[in-house]
All heavy atoms as atom14 arrays in JSON, in Angstrom:
{
  "sequence": "PELFQHFIRHQVVTKCWRFEDNKWIVKDAPFIDDWNEEDYKTLISC",
  "atom14_mask": [
    [1, 1, 1, 1, 1, 1, 1, 0, 0, 0, 0, 0, 0, 0],
    [1, 1, 1, 1, 1, 1, 1, 1, 1, 0, 0, 0, 0, 0],
    [1, 1, 1, 1, 1, 1, 1, 1, 0, 0, 0, 0, 0, 0],
    [1, 1, 1, 1, 1, 1, 1, 1, 1, 1, 1, 0, 0, 0],
    [1, 1, 1, 1, 1, 1, 1, 1, 1, 0, 0, 0, 0, 0],
    [1, 1, 1, 1, 1, 1, 1, 1, 1, 1, 0, 0, 0, 0],
    [1, 1, 1, 1, 1, 1, 1, 1, 1, 1, 1, 0, 0, 0],
    [1, 1, 1, 1, 1, 1, 1, 1, 0, 0, 0, 0, 0, 0],
    [1, 1, 1, 1, 1, 1, 1, 1, 1, 1, 1, 0, 0, 0],
    [1, 1, 1, 1, 1, 1, 1, 1, 1, 1, 0, 0, 0, 0],
    [1, 1, 1, 1, 1, 1, 1, 1, 1, 0, 0, 0, 0, 0],
    [1, 1, 1, 1, 1, 1, 1, 0, 0, 0, 0, 0, 0, 0],
    [1, 1, 1, 1, 1, 1, 1, 0, 0, 0, 0, 0, 0, 0],
    [1, 1, 1, 1, 1, 1, 1, 0, 0, 0, 0, 0, 0, 0],
    [1, 1, 1, 1, 1, 1, 1, 1, 1, 0, 0, 0, 0, 0],
    [1, 1, 1, 1, 1, 1, 0, 0, 0, 0, 0, 0, 0, 0],
    [1, 1, 1, 1, 1, 1, 1, 1, 1, 1, 1, 1, 1, 1],
    [1, 1, 1, 1, 1, 1, 1, 1, 1, 1, 1, 0, 0, 0],
    [1, 1, 1, 1, 1, 1, 1, 1, 1, 1, 1, 0, 0, 0],
    [1, 1, 1, 1, 1, 1, 1, 1, 1, 0, 0, 0, 0, 0],
    [1, 1, 1, 1, 1, 1, 1, 1, 0, 0, 0, 0, 0, 0],
    [1, 1, 1, 1, 1, 1, 1, 1, 0, 0, 0, 0, 0, 0],
    [1, 1, 1, 1, 1, 1, 1, 1, 1, 0, 0, 0, 0, 0],
    [1, 1, 1, 1, 1, 1, 1, 1, 1, 1, 1, 1, 1, 1],
    [1, 1, 1, 1, 1, 1, 1, 1, 0, 0, 0, 0, 0, 0],
    [1, 1, 1, 1, 1, 1, 1, 0, 0, 0, 0, 0, 0, 0],
    [1, 1, 1, 1, 1, 1, 1, 1, 1, 0, 0, 0, 0, 0],
    [1, 1, 1, 1, 1, 1, 1, 1, 0, 0, 0, 0, 0, 0],
    [1, 1, 1, 1, 1, 0, 0, 0, 0, 0, 0, 0, 0, 0],
    [1, 1, 1, 1, 1, 1, 1, 0, 0, 0, 0, 0, 0, 0],
    [1, 1, 1, 1, 1, 1, 1, 1, 1, 1, 1, 0, 0, 0],
    [1, 1, 1, 1, 1, 1, 1, 1, 0, 0, 0, 0, 0, 0],
    [1, 1, 1, 1, 1, 1, 1, 1, 0, 0, 0, 0, 0, 0],
    [1, 1, 1, 1, 1, 1, 1, 1, 0, 0, 0, 0, 0, 0],
    [1, 1, 1, 1, 1, 1, 1, 1, 1, 1, 1, 1, 1, 1],
    [1, 1, 1, 1, 1, 1, 1, 1, 0, 0, 0, 0, 0, 0],
    [1, 1, 1, 1, 1, 1, 1, 1, 1, 0, 0, 0, 0, 0],
    [1, 1, 1, 1, 1, 1, 1, 1, 1, 0, 0, 0, 0, 0],
    [1, 1, 1, 1, 1, 1, 1, 1, 0, 0, 0, 0, 0, 0],
    [1, 1, 1, 1, 1, 1, 1, 1, 1, 1, 1, 1, 0, 0],
    [1, 1, 1, 1, 1, 1, 1, 1, 1, 0, 0, 0, 0, 0],
    [1, 1, 1, 1, 1, 1, 1, 0, 0, 0, 0, 0, 0, 0],
    [1, 1, 1, 1, 1, 1, 1, 1, 0, 0, 0, 0, 0, 0],
    [1, 1, 1, 1, 1, 1, 1, 1, 0, 0, 0, 0, 0, 0],
    [1, 1, 1, 1, 1, 1, 0, 0, 0, 0, 0, 0, 0, 0],
    [1, 1, 1, 1, 1, 1, 0, 0, 0, 0, 0, 0, 0, 0]
  ],
  "atom14_positions": [
    [[3.42, -5.16, 29.23], [3.32, -3.7, 29.45], [3.99, -3.23, 30.74], [4.61, -2.17, 30.76], [1.81, -3.46, 29.49], [1.23, -4.55, 28.64], [2.12, -5.75, 28.9], [0.0, 0.0, 0.0], [0.0, 0.0, 0.0], [0.0, 0.0, 0.0], [0.0, 0.0, 0.0], [0.0, 0.0, 0.0], [0.0, 0.0, 0.0], [0.0, 0.0, 0.0]],
    [[3.93, -4.04, 31.8], [4.52, -3.64, 33.09], [6.03, -3.44, 32.99], [6.6, -2.66, 33.75], [4.24, -4.7, 34.16], [2.79, -5.0, 34.42], [2.16, -5.94, 33.38], [2.69, -7.03, 33.11], [1.12, -5.54, 32.83], [0.0, 0.0, 0.0], [0.0, 0.0, 0.0], [0.0, 0.0, 0.0], [0.0, 0.0, 0.0], [0.0, 0.0, 0.0]],
    [[6.67, -4.15, 32.08], [8.12, -4.02, 31.91], [8.5, -2.58, 31.57], [9.56, -2.1, 31.96], [8.6, -4.96, 30.8], [10.09, -4.95, 30.47], [10.91, -5.5, 31.64], [10.36, -5.77, 29.22], [0.0, 0.0, 0.0], [0.0, 0.0, 0.0], [0.0, 0.0, 0.0], [0.0, 0.0, 0.0], [0.0, 0.0, 0.0], [0.0, 0.0, 0.0]],
    [[7.62, -1.87, 30.89], [7.92, -0.52, 30.4], [7.39, 0.6, 31.29], [7.48, 1.76, 30.93], [7.35, -0.37, 28.98], [7.98, -1.32, 28.01], [7.4, -2.56, 27.76], [9.17, -1.01, 27.37], [7.98, -3.45, 26.88], [9.77, -1.91, 26.49], [9.16, -3.12, 26.25], [0.0, 0.0, 0.0], [0.0, 0.0, 0.0], [0.0, 0.0, 0.0]],
    [[6.87, 0.27, 32.46], [6.23, 1.3, 33.28], [7.18, 2.38, 33.78], [6.75, 3.5, 34.08], [5.45, 0.68, 34.44], [6.27, -0.01, 35.49], [5.4, -0.71, 36.51], [4.18, -0.74, 36.39], [6.03, -1.29, 37.51], [0.0, 0.0, 0.0], [0.0, 0.0, 0.0], [0.0, 0.0, 0.0], [0.0, 0.0, 0.0], [0.0, 0.0, 0.0]],
    [[8.48, 2.1, 33.84], [9.46, 3.1, 34.28], [10.39, 3.51, 33.14], [11.42, 4.15, 33.37], [10.28, 2.58, 35.46], [9.45, 2.25, 36.65], [8.89, 3.21, 37.45], [9.05, 1.05, 37.15], [8.19, 2.64, 38.4], [8.28, 1.33, 38.24], [0.0, 0.0, 0.0], [0.0, 0.0, 0.0], [0.0, 0.0, 0.0], [0.0, 0.0, 0.0]],
    [[10.03, 3.14, 31.91], [10.82, 3.48, 30.75], [10.27, 4.77, 30.14], [9.08, 4.87, 29.87], [10.77, 2.35, 29.71], [11.71, 2.57, 28.57], [13.03, 2.18, 28.66], [11.27, 3.2, 27.42], [13.9, 2.41, 27.61], [12.13, 3.43, 26.36], [13.46, 3.03, 26.46], [0.0, 0.0, 0.0], [0.0, 0.0, 0.0], [0.0, 0.0, 0.0]],
    [[11.16, 5.76, 29.9], [10.74, 7.06, 29.38], [11.31, 7.23, 27.97], [12.49, 7.5, 27.79], [11.22, 8.21, 30.29], [10.78, 7.96, 31.74], [10.7, 9.55, 29.78], [11.52, 8.82, 32.75], [0.0, 0.0, 0.0], [0.0, 0.0, 0.0], [0.0, 0.0, 0.0], [0.0, 0.0, 0.0], [0.0, 0.0, 0.0], [0.0, 0.0, 0.0]],
    [[10.47, 7.06, 26.97], [10.91, 7.17, 25.57], [11.14, 8.62, 25.15], [11.86, 8.9, 24.21], [9.86, 6.51, 24.65], [10.08, 6.77, 23.17], [11.45, 6.26, 22.69], [11.74, 6.64, 21.33], [12.52, 7.66, 20.99], [13.08, 8.43, 21.91], [12.76, 7.93, 19.72], [0.0, 0.0, 0.0], [0.0, 0.0, 0.0], [0.0, 0.0, 0.0]],
    [[10.55, 9.54, 25.8], [10.52, 10.96, 25.45], [11.84, 11.47, 24.88], [12.91, 11.23, 25.43], [10.17, 11.74, 26.72], [9.89, 13.18, 26.49], [10.83, 14.15, 26.71], [8.78, 13.81, 26.05], [10.3, 15.33, 26.43], [9.07, 15.15, 26.03], [0.0, 0.0, 0.0], [0.0, 0.0, 0.0], [0.0, 0.0, 0.0], [0.0, 0.0, 0.0]],
    [[11.76, 12.15, 23.73], [12.92, 12.77, 23.11], [12.49, 14.07, 22.44], [11.62, 14.06, 21.58], [13.55, 11.84, 22.07], [14.79, 12.4, 21.4], [15.4, 11.42, 20.4], [14.92, 10.31, 20.21], [16.48, 11.85, 19.76], [0.0, 0.0, 0.0], [0.0, 0.0, 0.0], [0.0, 0.0, 0.0], [0.0, 0.0, 0.0], [0.0, 0.0, 0.0]],
    [[13.1, 15.16, 22.86], [12.84, 16.46, 22.23], [13.83, 16.6, 21.08], [15.05, 16.57, 21.28], [13.0, 17.62, 23.23], [12.81, 18.96, 22.54], [12.02, 17.46, 24.38], [0.0, 0.0, 0.0], [0.0, 0.0, 0.0], [0.0, 0.0, 0.0], [0.0, 0.0, 0.0], [0.0, 0.0, 0.0], [0.0, 0.0, 0.0], [0.0, 0.0, 0.0]],
    [[13.31, 16.73, 19.87], [14.13, 16.82, 18.68], [14.02, 18.23, 18.12], [12.92, 18.77, 18.0], [13.65, 15.79, 17.61], [14.45, 15.93, 16.33], [13.74, 14.38, 18.17], [0.0, 0.0, 0.0], [0.0, 0.0, 0.0], [0.0, 0.0, 0.0], [0.0, 0.0, 0.0], [0.0, 0.0, 0.0], [0.0, 0.0, 0.0], [0.0, 0.0, 0.0]],
    [[15.16, 18.83, 17.8], [15.14, 20.16, 17.18], [15.7, 20.14, 15.76], [15.2, 20.82, 14.88], [15.93, 21.19, 18.02], [17.26, 20.72, 18.19], [15.26, 21.4, 19.38], [0.0, 0.0, 0.0], [0.0, 0.0, 0.0], [0.0, 0.0, 0.0], [0.0, 0.0, 0.0], [0.0, 0.0, 0.0], [0.0, 0.0, 0.0], [0.0, 0.0, 0.0]],
    [[16.74, 19.34, 15.55], [17.4, 19.29, 14.24], [17.54, 17.84, 13.78], [17.83, 16.96, 14.58], [18.76, 19.96, 14.29], [18.69, 21.45, 14.59], [20.05, 22.1, 14.51], [19.97, 23.58, 14.8], [19.24, 24.33, 13.82], [0.0, 0.0, 0.0], [0.0, 0.0, 0.0], [0.0, 0.0, 0.0], [0.0, 0.0, 0.0], [0.0, 0.0, 0.0]],
    [[17.36, 17.64, 12.47], [17.45, 16.3, 11.88], [18.27, 16.35, 10.61], [18.35, 17.38, 9.94], [16.06, 15.78, 11.53], [15.05, 15.38, 12.97], [0.0, 0.0, 0.0], [0.0, 0.0, 0.0], [0.0, 0.0, 0.0], [0.0, 0.0, 0.0], [0.0, 0.0, 0.0], [0.0, 0.0, 0.0], [0.0, 0.0, 0.0], [0.0, 0.0, 0.0]],
    [[18.84, 15.21, 10.28], [19.52, 15.04, 9.01], [18.49, 14.74, 7.93], [17.57, 13.96, 8.14], [20.53, 13.9, 9.08], [21.77, 14.28, 9.83], [22.03, 14.05, 11.15], [22.9, 14.96, 9.3], [23.26, 14.56, 11.48], [23.82, 15.13, 10.35], [23.23, 15.44, 8.04], [25.05, 15.74, 10.18], [24.45, 16.07, 7.87], [25.35, 16.21, 8.93]],
    [[18.65, 15.39, 6.77], [17.76, 15.16, 5.63], [18.61, 15.08, 4.37], [19.61, 15.79, 4.23], [16.74, 16.3, 5.46], [15.76, 16.44, 6.62], [14.76, 15.3, 6.61], [13.71, 15.49, 7.59], [13.64, 14.85, 8.76], [14.58, 13.99, 9.09], [12.65, 15.08, 9.59], [0.0, 0.0, 0.0], [0.0, 0.0, 0.0], [0.0, 0.0, 0.0]],
    [[18.2, 14.2, 3.46], [18.89, 14.05, 2.18], [18.17, 14.91, 1.15], [17.04, 14.62, 0.77], [18.92, 12.58, 1.75], [19.88, 12.31, 0.64], [21.24, 12.33, 0.86], [19.41, 12.04, -0.64], [22.14, 12.08, -0.17], [20.29, 11.79, -1.68], [21.67, 11.8, -1.44], [0.0, 0.0, 0.0], [0.0, 0.0, 0.0], [0.0, 0.0, 0.0]],
    [[18.82, 15.98, 0.73], [18.23, 16.91, -0.24], [19.29, 17.31, -1.26], [20.45, 17.55, -0.9], [17.69, 18.16, 0.45], [16.5, 17.88, 1.35], [15.94, 19.14, 1.99], [16.41, 20.26, 1.68], [15.02, 19.01, 2.82], [0.0, 0.0, 0.0], [0.0, 0.0, 0.0], [0.0, 0.0, 0.0], [0.0, 0.0, 0.0], [0.0, 0.0, 0.0]],
    [[18.89, 17.4, -2.5], [19.8, 17.79, -3.58], [21.08, 16.97, -3.59], [22.19, 17.49, -3.69], [20.13, 19.3, -3.51], [18.89, 20.17, -3.64], [18.0, 19.8, -4.44], [18.81, 21.19, -2.94], [0.0, 0.0, 0.0], [0.0, 0.0, 0.0], [0.0, 0.0, 0.0], [0.0, 0.0, 0.0], [0.0, 0.0, 0.0], [0.0, 0.0, 0.0]],
    [[20.91, 15.66, -3.41], [22.02, 14.7, -3.45], [23.07, 14.88, -2.36], [24.23, 14.51, -2.54], [22.71, 14.71, -4.82], [22.08, 13.73, -5.77], [21.33, 12.86, -5.35], [22.39, 13.87, -7.04], [0.0, 0.0, 0.0], [0.0, 0.0, 0.0], [0.0, 0.0, 0.0], [0.0, 0.0, 0.0], [0.0, 0.0, 0.0], [0.0, 0.0, 0.0]],
    [[22.67, 15.45, -1.22], [23.61, 15.56, -0.1], [22.85, 15.57, 1.22], [21.66, 15.92, 1.27], [24.49, 16.8, -0.23], [23.72, 18.1, -0.17], [24.63, 19.3, -0.37], [23.75, 20.54, -0.36], [24.34, 21.68, -0.96], [0.0, 0.0, 0.0], [0.0, 0.0, 0.0], [0.0, 0.0, 0.0], [0.0, 0.0, 0.0], [0.0, 0.0, 0.0]],
    [[23.55, 15.19, 2.28], [22.98, 15.2, 3.63], [23.17, 16.57, 4.26], [24.29, 17.11, 4.23], [23.63, 14.12, 4.49], [23.19, 12.75, 4.13], [23.84, 11.85, 3.35], [21.97, 12.13, 4.5], [23.1, 10.7, 3.22], [21.95, 10.85, 3.92], [20.88, 12.54, 5.28], [20.88, 9.96, 4.1], [19.82, 11.65, 5.45], [19.83, 10.39, 4.86]],
    [[22.1, 17.13, 4.79], [22.17, 18.43, 5.47], [21.39, 18.35, 6.78], [20.52, 17.5, 6.94], [21.6, 19.57, 4.59], [20.13, 19.3, 4.23], [22.44, 19.76, 3.34], [19.42, 20.47, 3.58], [0.0, 0.0, 0.0], [0.0, 0.0, 0.0], [0.0, 0.0, 0.0], [0.0, 0.0, 0.0], [0.0, 0.0, 0.0], [0.0, 0.0, 0.0]],
    [[21.71, 19.23, 7.7], [20.97, 19.33, 8.96], [19.92, 20.42, 8.78], [20.23, 21.52, 8.33], [21.92, 19.67, 10.13], [21.13, 19.91, 11.41], [22.94, 18.56, 10.33], [0.0, 0.0, 0.0], [0.0, 0.0, 0.0], [0.0, 0.0, 0.0], [0.0, 0.0, 0.0], [0.0, 0.0, 0.0], [0.0, 0.0, 0.0], [0.0, 0.0, 0.0]],
    [[18.69, 20.08, 9.14], [17.58, 21.03, 9.02], [16.84, 21.14, 10.34], [16.81, 20.19, 11.12], [16.58, 20.55, 7.95], [17.13, 20.57, 6.54], [16.05, 20.31, 5.55], [15.2, 21.56, 5.38], [14.32, 21.53, 4.24], [0.0, 0.0, 0.0], [0.0, 0.0, 0.0], [0.0, 0.0, 0.0], [0.0, 0.0, 0.0], [0.0, 0.0, 0.0]],
    [[16.23, 22.29, 10.56], [15.32, 22.44, 11.7], [14.11, 21.55, 11.44], [13.49, 21.62, 10.37], [14.87, 23.88, 11.86], [15.98, 24.8, 12.34], [16.86, 24.32, 13.08], [15.98, 25.98, 11.98], [0.0, 0.0, 0.0], [0.0, 0.0, 0.0], [0.0, 0.0, 0.0], [0.0, 0.0, 0.0], [0.0, 0.0, 0.0], [0.0, 0.0, 0.0]],
    [[13.8, 20.71, 12.39], [12.65, 19.81, 12.27], [12.14, 19.49, 13.68], [12.19, 18.36, 14.14], [13.04, 18.54, 11.55], [0.0, 0.0, 0.0], [0.0, 0.0, 0.0], [0.0, 0.0, 0.0], [0.0, 0.0, 0.0], [0.0, 0.0, 0.0], [0.0, 0.0, 0.0], [0.0, 0.0, 0.0], [0.0, 0.0, 0.0], [0.0, 0.0, 0.0]],
    [[11.67, 20.53, 14.39], [11.32, 20.32, 15.8], [10.06, 19.47, 15.99], [9.05, 19.66, 15.31], [11.11, 21.74, 16.31], [10.77, 22.54, 15.11], [11.46, 21.9, 13.96], [0.0, 0.0, 0.0], [0.0, 0.0, 0.0], [0.0, 0.0, 0.0], [0.0, 0.0, 0.0], [0.0, 0.0, 0.0], [0.0, 0.0, 0.0], [0.0, 0.0, 0.0]],
    [[10.18, 18.52, 16.9], [9.03, 17.72, 17.33], [9.42, 16.97, 18.6], [10.59, 16.93, 18.97], [8.56, 16.75, 16.24], [9.53, 15.66, 15.89], [9.41, 14.4, 16.44], [10.56, 15.89, 14.99], [10.3, 13.39, 16.11], [11.46, 14.88, 14.65], [11.32, 13.62, 15.22], [0.0, 0.0, 0.0], [0.0, 0.0, 0.0], [0.0, 0.0, 0.0]],
    [[8.45, 16.39, 19.24], [8.69, 15.57, 20.42], [8.34, 14.14, 20.06], [7.24, 13.85, 19.59], [7.87, 16.05, 21.63], [8.33, 17.45, 22.03], [8.01, 15.07, 22.8], [7.53, 18.1, 23.13], [0.0, 0.0, 0.0], [0.0, 0.0, 0.0], [0.0, 0.0, 0.0], [0.0, 0.0, 0.0], [0.0, 0.0, 0.0], [0.0, 0.0, 0.0]],
    [[9.31, 13.25, 20.25], [9.1, 11.84, 19.97], [8.77, 11.14, 21.28], [9.53, 11.25, 22.25], [10.36, 11.25, 19.34], [10.1, 9.98, 18.57], [8.95, 9.48, 18.6], [11.04, 9.47, 17.95], [0.0, 0.0, 0.0], [0.0, 0.0, 0.0], [0.0, 0.0, 0.0], [0.0, 0.0, 0.0], [0.0, 0.0, 0.0], [0.0, 0.0, 0.0]],
    [[7.66, 10.49, 21.31], [7.22, 9.77, 22.5], [6.34, 8.63, 22.04], [5.87, 8.61, 20.91], [6.45, 10.71, 23.43], [6.65, 10.37, 24.89], [7.06, 9.24, 25.21], [6.37, 11.24, 25.73], [0.0, 0.0, 0.0], [0.0, 0.0, 0.0], [0.0, 0.0, 0.0], [0.0, 0.0, 0.0], [0.0, 0.0, 0.0], [0.0, 0.0, 0.0]],
    [[6.12, 7.67, 22.91], [5.27, 6.54, 22.57], [3.98, 6.61, 23.36], [3.98, 6.93, 24.56], [5.97, 5.22, 22.9], [7.11, 4.89, 22.0], [7.32, 5.31, 20.73], [8.21, 4.05, 22.33], [8.48, 4.77, 20.23], [9.04, 3.99, 21.2], [8.57, 3.34, 23.46], [10.22, 3.25, 21.17], [9.74, 2.6, 23.43], [10.55, 2.56, 22.29]],
    [[2.88, 6.27, 22.69], [1.6, 6.17, 23.37], [1.31, 4.69, 23.64], [2.11, 3.8, 23.32], [0.49, 6.83, 22.55], [0.31, 6.2, 21.18], [0.5, 5.0, 21.01], [-0.05, 7.02, 20.19], [0.0, 0.0, 0.0], [0.0, 0.0, 0.0], [0.0, 0.0, 0.0], [0.0, 0.0, 0.0], [0.0, 0.0, 0.0], [0.0, 0.0, 0.0]],
    [[0.14, 4.42, 24.2], [-0.21, 3.04, 24.57], [-0.2, 2.11, 23.35], [0.26, 0.98, 23.43], [-1.59, 3.04, 25.23], [-1.97, 1.71, 25.82], [-3.29, 1.75, 26.56], [-3.66, 2.81, 27.1], [-3.96, 0.7, 26.6], [0.0, 0.0, 0.0], [0.0, 0.0, 0.0], [0.0, 0.0, 0.0], [0.0, 0.0, 0.0], [0.0, 0.0, 0.0]],
    [[-0.69, 2.58, 22.23], [-0.71, 1.76, 21.02], [0.71, 1.46, 20.53], [1.0, 0.35, 20.08], [-1.51, 2.47, 19.93], [-1.9, 1.57, 18.79], [-2.74, 0.36, 19.2], [-3.6, 0.49, 20.09], [-2.51, -0.72, 18.63], [0.0, 0.0, 0.0], [0.0, 0.0, 0.0], [0.0, 0.0, 0.0], [0.0, 0.0, 0.0], [0.0, 0.0, 0.0]],
    [[1.6, 2.46, 20.64], [3.0, 2.24, 20.25], [3.64, 1.15, 21.12], [4.39, 0.32, 20.61], [3.81, 3.54, 20.39], [3.37, 4.61, 19.41], [2.95, 4.27, 18.29], [3.44, 5.8, 19.79], [0.0, 0.0, 0.0], [0.0, 0.0, 0.0], [0.0, 0.0, 0.0], [0.0, 0.0, 0.0], [0.0, 0.0, 0.0], [0.0, 0.0, 0.0]],
    [[3.34, 1.17, 22.42], [3.89, 0.15, 23.31], [3.34, -1.23, 22.97], [4.06, -2.23, 22.99], [3.64, 0.48, 24.78], [4.65, 1.44, 25.35], [4.34, 2.77, 25.57], [5.95, 1.01, 25.66], [5.29, 3.66, 26.07], [6.9, 1.88, 26.16], [6.57, 3.21, 26.38], [7.5, 4.08, 26.88], [0.0, 0.0, 0.0], [0.0, 0.0, 0.0]],
    [[2.06, -1.32, 22.63], [1.47, -2.61, 22.24], [2.18, -3.16, 21.0], [2.5, -4.35, 20.93], [-0.03, -2.45, 21.95], [-0.87, -2.34, 23.18], [-2.35, -2.21, 22.79], [-3.19, -1.98, 24.01], [-4.61, -1.75, 23.67], [0.0, 0.0, 0.0], [0.0, 0.0, 0.0], [0.0, 0.0, 0.0], [0.0, 0.0, 0.0], [0.0, 0.0, 0.0]],
    [[2.42, -2.29, 20.03], [3.12, -2.71, 18.81], [4.55, -3.14, 19.15], [5.02, -4.18, 18.67], [3.13, -1.56, 17.78], [1.78, -1.23, 17.46], [3.89, -1.94, 16.52], [0.0, 0.0, 0.0], [0.0, 0.0, 0.0], [0.0, 0.0, 0.0], [0.0, 0.0, 0.0], [0.0, 0.0, 0.0], [0.0, 0.0, 0.0], [0.0, 0.0, 0.0]],
    [[5.24, -2.36, 19.97], [6.6, -2.7, 20.38], [6.65, -4.06, 21.06], [7.5, -4.9, 20.73], [7.15, -1.62, 21.32], [8.51, -1.92, 21.94], [9.6, -1.93, 20.89], [8.81, -0.9, 23.04], [0.0, 0.0, 0.0], [0.0, 0.0, 0.0], [0.0, 0.0, 0.0], [0.0, 0.0, 0.0], [0.0, 0.0, 0.0], [0.0, 0.0, 0.0]],
    [[5.74, -4.3, 21.99], [5.71, -5.57, 22.72], [5.51, -6.72, 21.75], [6.2, -7.74, 21.83], [4.62, -5.51, 23.81], [5.08, -4.58, 24.95], [4.28, -6.91, 24.33], [3.98, -4.18, 25.91], [0.0, 0.0, 0.0], [0.0, 0.0, 0.0], [0.0, 0.0, 0.0], [0.0, 0.0, 0.0], [0.0, 0.0, 0.0], [0.0, 0.0, 0.0]],
    [[4.59, -6.57, 20.83], [4.33, -7.61, 19.84], [5.59, -7.87, 18.99], [5.96, -9.03, 18.74], [3.16, -7.2, 18.95], [2.97, -8.12, 17.91], [0.0, 0.0, 0.0], [0.0, 0.0, 0.0], [0.0, 0.0, 0.0], [0.0, 0.0, 0.0], [0.0, 0.0, 0.0], [0.0, 0.0, 0.0], [0.0, 0.0, 0.0], [0.0, 0.0, 0.0]],
    [[6.24, -6.81, 18.56], [7.44, -6.94, 17.73], [8.59, -7.61, 18.49], [9.26, -8.49, 17.95], [7.88, -5.59, 17.2], [6.77, -4.91, 15.95], [0.0, 0.0, 0.0], [0.0, 0.0, 0.0], [0.0, 0.0, 0.0], [0.0, 0.0, 0.0], [0.0, 0.0, 0.0], [0.0, 0.0, 0.0], [0.0, 0.0, 0.0], [0.0, 0.0, 0.0]]
  ]
}
């Protein structure tokens, strides 16, 4: 866990690619991607 103490996963996402009606399109899909303590435990194990 100490290895990641200065690592910032944070990513603000506003638009994403989605496959709809047999083609790739960009859609609004706002969210914030970040890791919590459990995510880091899983990452370390992996």
